[in-house]
Structures are given as structure tokens and as C-alpha cells.
Amino acid sequence: MTGKTQLKRKTQQVIRMLEKHLGIPVRNNDRKSPDPLDMLIATLLSQNTNDTNSYRAWKKLKEKYPDYESMYRARTSSIESAIRTGGMAKQKAARIKELLRNVKKRYGKFSLTALRNKSDGEVLEELTALNGIGLKTASCVLLFSLGRNSFPVDTHVHRIVNRIGLVSTPTPDKTFLAMQELVPPDKMYSFHTNLIRFGREVCKSQRPECYRCPLIRMCKFGQKKVKVDGNRKLNIAGGKKRDFMLLDNV
């Protein structure tokens, strides 16, 4: 058995274990898919804050500027005021203005609907060509807006898949490239969503709660933190659950 085959099997095992303990996330197919530009800006607002605060910022921004023409013409300070609850408002407001300028310059209008007719690779290439847009943000547009099978890698995902040994990569972008070959396409949404929840509640960056981790037996990092009791049922019940996900509610 090759090393890649072993990693694929281990990845599938991790997916099953997380689905057992966290459930199988279901895509919201009862509503129209989010606009790609909406998703791009919502992903930007989600950076360096929690989903509740970034959702408030997103709602206030869209209420104040229902169309992107008015948002683009607004003062940066006015956008900053609208998104203040999301944190880093000054930096994010400037990035929103720059992003809208770049989208208008590239596509001739404040719209990314042209991406719907392009391949996954073309979408990634075009979005990452926009200043300030990386693979994670572009992949979120693919997964949450365009309904494609893509596997975004943020800090939570990067941290966990490295800790449990699915990859050994120094950056989220390198993790993204490595994981696309390991995750079954029909499980990318489930695995991404469960890893985000798992990273928030159990496998935290600081002081991970290894004592209630269902993956501890395959995690070298976890073995250093807690002694495994072979008779103990491993689960993550008991933590404060935060199921709300901004990008599922754009």
C-alpha cells in the first residue's frame, strides 16, 4: 500500500469519526446560492473574528449599501463604521474598496457571476489574481457560493490536519494543495465544516481539550497532552457548542 493510499484511508477514517460525533452537515439547498461577490466580501469580513460578530458586520454593511455601486462610492470611513462590530474595521473597509475597484476593472461591473460558467481551476486562478485574495477565500467562493467540491483551508483546518498527521505542511496554502487529493469530493463540505467546529471547540490553538477528543489515538500532538484511557468512551460532548457558520448564512 502506497503512502498516499494510506493517507486517503486515514482521511476517510477521520471524516467518519467527526461525522459520528458532530453529525453530517447538510448544505442548504432550499435557497438560492449566494452571489459570488457577496461570498467574497463575507469571507473577508470573517477573518480574525468570530462568526457572530462578522455576521452582524455583514448585515449592517448590506443594509447600509444594498448595491455595490453605492458601496464603492461611499467613503472608506463610512464602510468602516458599518462593519465595526466585525473587528479590524479600518483594514477591512480599505480592502473592500480595493476589491470592488479591482472587480470593476477586471469584469466591467460589480459582479462575479461570470465565474459560474468557469471551471474550478479557472475560478481559483481569476480570484487569486485579485489583490488580497488567497486560496482559502477563493475556495470558500467555490464551496459556499458556486456549489463546487472544494476544500478551503483556514487556520483551524491547517492546524488539525497537521496535528493528526494527514499532512506535514508549513502554510495553509500548501495544506490546501495537499488535501485536495486526500478528501473525497463528496465529503469536502462535511469535512471542512466539521473541522471548523472541531477546531473551535476541542482542537484549539492554545490549550486544546485533548481529554475529550475522539481523534486522540491517531494524534501525536494529543498523546503529549493527555494519557489515553482505553476504557473511556471518547466524545466531545459537554462543550459549549457554536454551530452558527457565517458562510452558510450569506
Protein backbone atom coordinates (compact mmCIF):
# COMPACT_ATOMS: atom_id res chain seq x y z
CA MET A 1 0.00 0.00 0.00
CA THR A 2 1.44 3.35 -1.02
CA GLY A 3 1.83 6.26 1.38
CA LYS A 4 -0.82 8.30 -0.43
CA THR A 5 -3.30 5.41 -0.28
CA GLN A 6 -2.73 5.11 3.47
CA LEU A 7 -3.30 8.84 3.91
CA LYS A 8 -6.51 8.68 1.90
CA ARG A 9 -7.78 5.87 4.12
CA LYS A 10 -6.78 7.76 7.25
CA THR A 11 -8.54 10.87 5.94
CA GLN A 12 -11.72 8.88 5.35
CA GLN A 13 -11.46 7.45 8.87
CA VAL A 14 -11.18 10.94 10.35
CA ILE A 15 -14.17 12.11 8.28
CA ARG A 16 -16.28 9.20 9.59
CA MET A 17 -15.25 9.82 13.20
CA LEU A 18 -16.08 13.51 13.05
CA GLU A 19 -19.42 12.77 11.41
CA LYS A 20 -20.15 10.27 14.16
CA HIS A 21 -19.53 12.82 16.90
CA LEU A 22 -20.61 16.04 15.18
CA GLY A 23 -23.13 14.80 12.64
CA ILE A 24 -23.17 15.16 8.87
CA PRO A 25 -23.51 18.82 7.88
CA VAL A 26 -26.15 19.39 5.23
CA ARG A 27 -25.84 22.07 2.62
CA ASN A 28 -28.72 24.50 2.49
CA ASN A 29 -30.16 23.68 -0.90
CA ASP A 30 -33.54 25.26 -0.14
CA ARG A 31 -32.43 28.74 -1.10
CA LYS A 32 -30.71 30.46 -3.97
CA SER A 33 -26.94 30.13 -3.98
CA PRO A 34 -25.20 33.22 -2.56
CA ASP A 35 -23.83 35.74 -5.02
CA PRO A 36 -20.08 35.13 -5.54
CA LEU A 37 -19.17 38.74 -4.75
CA ASP A 38 -21.29 38.61 -1.60
CA MET A 39 -19.43 35.48 -0.57
CA LEU A 40 -16.05 37.04 -1.31
CA ILE A 41 -16.75 40.06 0.89
CA ALA A 42 -18.38 37.97 3.64
CA THR A 43 -15.27 35.77 3.73
CA LEU A 44 -13.13 38.88 4.05
CA LEU A 45 -15.28 40.05 6.98
CA SER A 46 -14.95 36.65 8.67
CA GLN A 47 -11.20 36.98 9.07
CA ASN A 48 -9.78 37.43 12.58
CA THR A 49 -13.15 37.41 14.34
CA ASN A 50 -15.99 35.04 15.21
CA ASP A 51 -18.98 34.27 13.01
CA THR A 52 -21.49 36.11 15.19
CA ASN A 53 -19.62 39.42 15.01
CA SER A 54 -18.76 39.08 11.33
CA TYR A 55 -22.41 38.25 10.53
CA ARG A 56 -23.53 41.43 12.29
CA ALA A 57 -20.98 43.39 10.29
CA TRP A 58 -22.16 41.74 7.06
CA LYS A 59 -25.83 42.50 7.76
CA LYS A 60 -25.12 46.14 8.65
CA LEU A 61 -22.97 46.59 5.55
CA LYS A 62 -25.67 45.24 3.23
CA GLU A 63 -28.40 47.23 4.94
CA LYS A 64 -26.41 50.45 4.56
CA TYR A 65 -25.29 49.71 1.00
CA PRO A 66 -27.80 47.40 -0.76
CA ASP A 67 -25.87 47.61 -4.02
CA TYR A 68 -22.15 47.59 -4.74
CA GLU A 69 -22.20 50.81 -6.74
CA SER A 70 -23.24 52.76 -3.64
CA MET A 71 -20.75 50.84 -1.51
CA TYR A 72 -17.92 51.64 -3.90
CA ARG A 73 -18.81 55.35 -3.97
CA ALA A 74 -19.05 55.57 -0.19
CA ARG A 75 -16.28 56.98 1.96
CA THR A 76 -13.99 54.32 3.38
CA SER A 77 -14.72 55.73 6.84
CA SER A 78 -18.45 55.14 6.30
CA ILE A 79 -17.85 51.49 5.38
CA GLU A 80 -15.58 51.21 8.39
CA SER A 81 -18.38 52.44 10.64
CA ALA A 82 -20.82 49.88 9.20
CA ILE A 83 -18.54 46.91 9.79
CA ARG A 84 -17.04 47.95 13.12
CA THR A 85 -18.61 45.03 15.03
CA GLY A 86 -16.55 42.63 12.93
CA GLY A 87 -13.19 43.89 14.14
CA MET A 88 -10.25 45.31 12.18
CA ALA A 89 -12.77 47.64 10.53
CA LYS A 90 -10.27 50.12 9.14
CA GLN A 91 -8.21 47.47 7.36
CA LYS A 92 -11.25 45.54 6.11
CA ALA A 93 -13.00 48.67 4.83
CA ALA A 94 -9.93 49.58 2.78
CA ARG A 95 -9.73 46.04 1.42
CA ILE A 96 -13.42 46.09 0.44
CA LYS A 97 -12.93 49.32 -1.50
CA GLU A 98 -9.86 47.94 -3.25
CA LEU A 99 -11.60 44.66 -4.03
CA LEU A 100 -14.58 46.42 -5.60
CA ARG A 101 -12.25 48.58 -7.67
CA ASN A 102 -10.38 45.51 -8.92
CA VAL A 103 -13.59 43.59 -9.71
CA LYS A 104 -14.98 46.54 -11.71
CA LYS A 105 -11.69 46.91 -13.57
CA ARG A 106 -11.45 43.19 -14.43
CA TYR A 107 -15.09 42.37 -15.20
CA GLY A 108 -16.53 45.75 -16.17
CA LYS A 109 -19.12 45.67 -13.40
CA PHE A 110 -19.53 44.89 -9.72
CA SER A 111 -20.31 41.23 -10.31
CA LEU A 112 -18.61 37.84 -10.33
CA THR A 113 -21.50 35.92 -11.89
CA ALA A 114 -19.25 35.13 -14.89
CA LEU A 115 -17.44 32.68 -12.63
CA ARG A 116 -20.44 30.34 -12.62
CA ASN A 117 -19.54 29.19 -16.15
CA LYS A 118 -15.86 28.60 -15.43
CA SER A 119 -14.00 25.52 -14.20
CA ASP A 120 -12.76 25.23 -10.63
CA GLY A 121 -9.20 25.89 -11.74
CA GLU A 122 -10.23 28.97 -13.71
CA VAL A 123 -12.19 30.33 -10.74
CA LEU A 124 -9.22 29.89 -8.41
CA GLU A 125 -6.88 31.50 -10.93
CA GLU A 126 -9.11 34.51 -11.55
CA LEU A 127 -9.96 35.17 -7.91
CA THR A 128 -6.40 34.84 -6.63
CA ALA A 129 -5.35 37.29 -9.35
CA LEU A 130 -7.35 39.91 -7.43
CA ASN A 131 -5.08 41.70 -4.97
CA GLY A 132 -5.51 40.37 -1.43
CA ILE A 133 -7.49 37.24 -2.35
CA GLY A 134 -5.81 33.97 -1.41
CA LEU A 135 -6.59 30.30 -1.98
CA LYS A 136 -8.69 29.99 1.17
CA THR A 137 -11.02 32.84 0.22
CA ALA A 138 -11.27 31.71 -3.40
CA SER A 139 -12.00 28.16 -2.28
CA CYS A 140 -14.79 29.42 0.01
CA VAL A 141 -16.44 31.02 -3.03
CA LEU A 142 -16.22 27.69 -4.86
CA LEU A 143 -17.67 25.69 -1.98
CA PHE A 144 -20.29 28.00 -0.49
CA SER A 145 -21.39 30.10 -3.47
CA LEU A 146 -20.78 28.05 -6.59
CA GLY A 147 -21.68 24.70 -5.02
CA ARG A 148 -18.44 23.06 -6.14
CA ASN A 149 -16.50 20.38 -4.29
CA SER A 150 -13.60 22.35 -2.88
CA PHE A 151 -11.84 22.14 0.48
CA PRO A 152 -11.00 25.55 1.98
CA VAL A 153 -8.15 25.58 4.48
CA ASP A 154 -8.17 28.18 7.23
CA THR A 155 -6.06 28.23 10.39
CA HIS A 156 -8.30 25.67 12.15
CA VAL A 157 -8.16 23.18 9.27
CA HIS A 158 -4.43 23.71 8.75
CA ARG A 159 -3.70 23.15 12.44
CA ILE A 160 -5.80 20.00 12.86
CA VAL A 161 -4.80 18.07 9.73
CA ASN A 162 -1.14 18.70 10.58
CA ARG A 163 -1.59 17.64 14.21
CA ILE A 164 -3.17 14.33 13.25
CA GLY A 165 -0.62 13.68 10.52
CA LEU A 166 -2.69 13.85 7.34
CA VAL A 167 -0.15 16.33 6.02
CA SER A 168 3.08 17.94 7.12
CA THR A 169 2.87 21.38 5.58
CA PRO A 170 4.14 24.78 6.74
CA THR A 171 1.33 27.00 5.44
CA PRO A 172 -2.44 26.84 4.84
CA ASP A 173 -1.90 27.25 1.08
CA LYS A 174 0.38 24.21 0.96
CA THR A 175 -2.14 22.31 3.09
CA PHE A 176 -4.88 23.27 0.62
CA LEU A 177 -2.93 21.83 -2.30
CA ALA A 178 -2.12 18.61 -0.42
CA MET A 179 -5.63 17.99 0.94
CA GLN A 180 -7.43 18.28 -2.40
CA GLU A 181 -6.03 14.85 -3.30
CA LEU A 182 -6.95 13.24 0.02
CA VAL A 183 -10.54 14.30 0.66
CA PRO A 184 -13.27 12.55 -1.37
CA PRO A 185 -15.08 15.25 -3.39
CA ASP A 186 -18.49 14.41 -1.92
CA LYS A 187 -17.10 14.84 1.62
CA MET A 188 -15.35 18.18 1.20
CA TYR A 189 -18.24 20.22 2.57
CA SER A 190 -18.80 17.89 5.52
CA PHE A 191 -15.12 17.61 6.41
CA HIS A 192 -14.42 21.33 6.13
CA THR A 193 -17.44 22.28 8.23
CA ASN A 194 -16.77 19.69 10.94
CA LEU A 195 -13.10 20.62 11.16
CA ILE A 196 -14.05 24.27 11.73
CA ARG A 197 -16.40 23.28 14.56
CA PHE A 198 -13.87 20.82 15.96
CA GLY A 199 -11.11 23.44 15.90
CA ARG A 200 -13.27 25.95 17.74
CA GLU A 201 -14.47 23.61 20.46
CA VAL A 202 -11.80 20.94 21.02
CA CYS A 203 -8.59 21.13 18.97
CA LYS A 204 -7.88 24.74 19.83
CA SER A 205 -4.65 26.50 19.02
CA GLN A 206 -3.92 27.15 22.69
CA ARG A 207 -4.88 24.62 25.36
CA PRO A 208 -6.60 22.03 23.16
CA GLU A 209 -9.07 19.89 25.09
CA CYS A 210 -7.43 16.58 24.22
CA TYR A 211 -9.17 14.80 27.11
CA ARG A 212 -12.42 14.80 25.14
CA CYS A 213 -11.04 14.30 21.64
CA PRO A 214 -12.26 11.36 19.52
CA LEU A 215 -9.12 11.56 17.36
CA ILE A 216 -6.54 11.38 20.13
CA ARG A 217 -5.35 7.86 19.35
CA MET A 218 -4.13 8.96 15.93
CA CYS A 219 -2.78 12.33 17.05
CA LYS A 220 0.84 12.64 18.13
CA PHE A 221 0.20 16.13 19.46
CA GLY A 222 -2.65 14.86 21.60
CA GLN A 223 -0.63 11.99 23.03
CA LYS A 224 1.70 14.56 24.57
CA LYS A 225 -1.18 16.32 26.27
CA VAL A 226 -3.22 13.60 27.91
CA LYS A 227 -3.00 9.92 28.78
CA VAL A 228 -5.44 7.85 26.77
CA ASP A 229 -7.78 5.66 28.81
CA GLY A 230 -8.58 2.65 26.66
CA ASN A 231 -11.81 2.00 28.58
CA ARG A 232 -13.10 5.53 28.24
CA LYS A 233 -15.58 6.42 25.57
CA LEU A 234 -14.10 9.30 23.63
CA ASN A 235 -16.51 12.04 22.64
CA ILE A 236 -16.69 15.77 22.50
CA ALA A 237 -20.00 16.13 24.29
CA GLY A 238 -20.12 18.63 27.07
CA GLY A 239 -18.52 21.58 25.37
CA LYS A 240 -20.31 24.82 24.60
CA LYS A 241 -21.49 24.34 21.03
CA ARG A 242 -21.34 27.16 18.50
CA ASP A 243 -22.91 25.76 15.37
CA PHE A 244 -23.57 29.03 13.56
CA MET A 245 -21.43 29.37 10.44
CA LEU A 246 -21.32 32.74 8.71
CA LEU A 247 -20.65 31.45 5.20
CA ASP A 248 -23.70 29.18 5.36
CA ASN A 249 -25.85 32.23 6.10
CA VAL A 250 -24.81 34.78 3.50
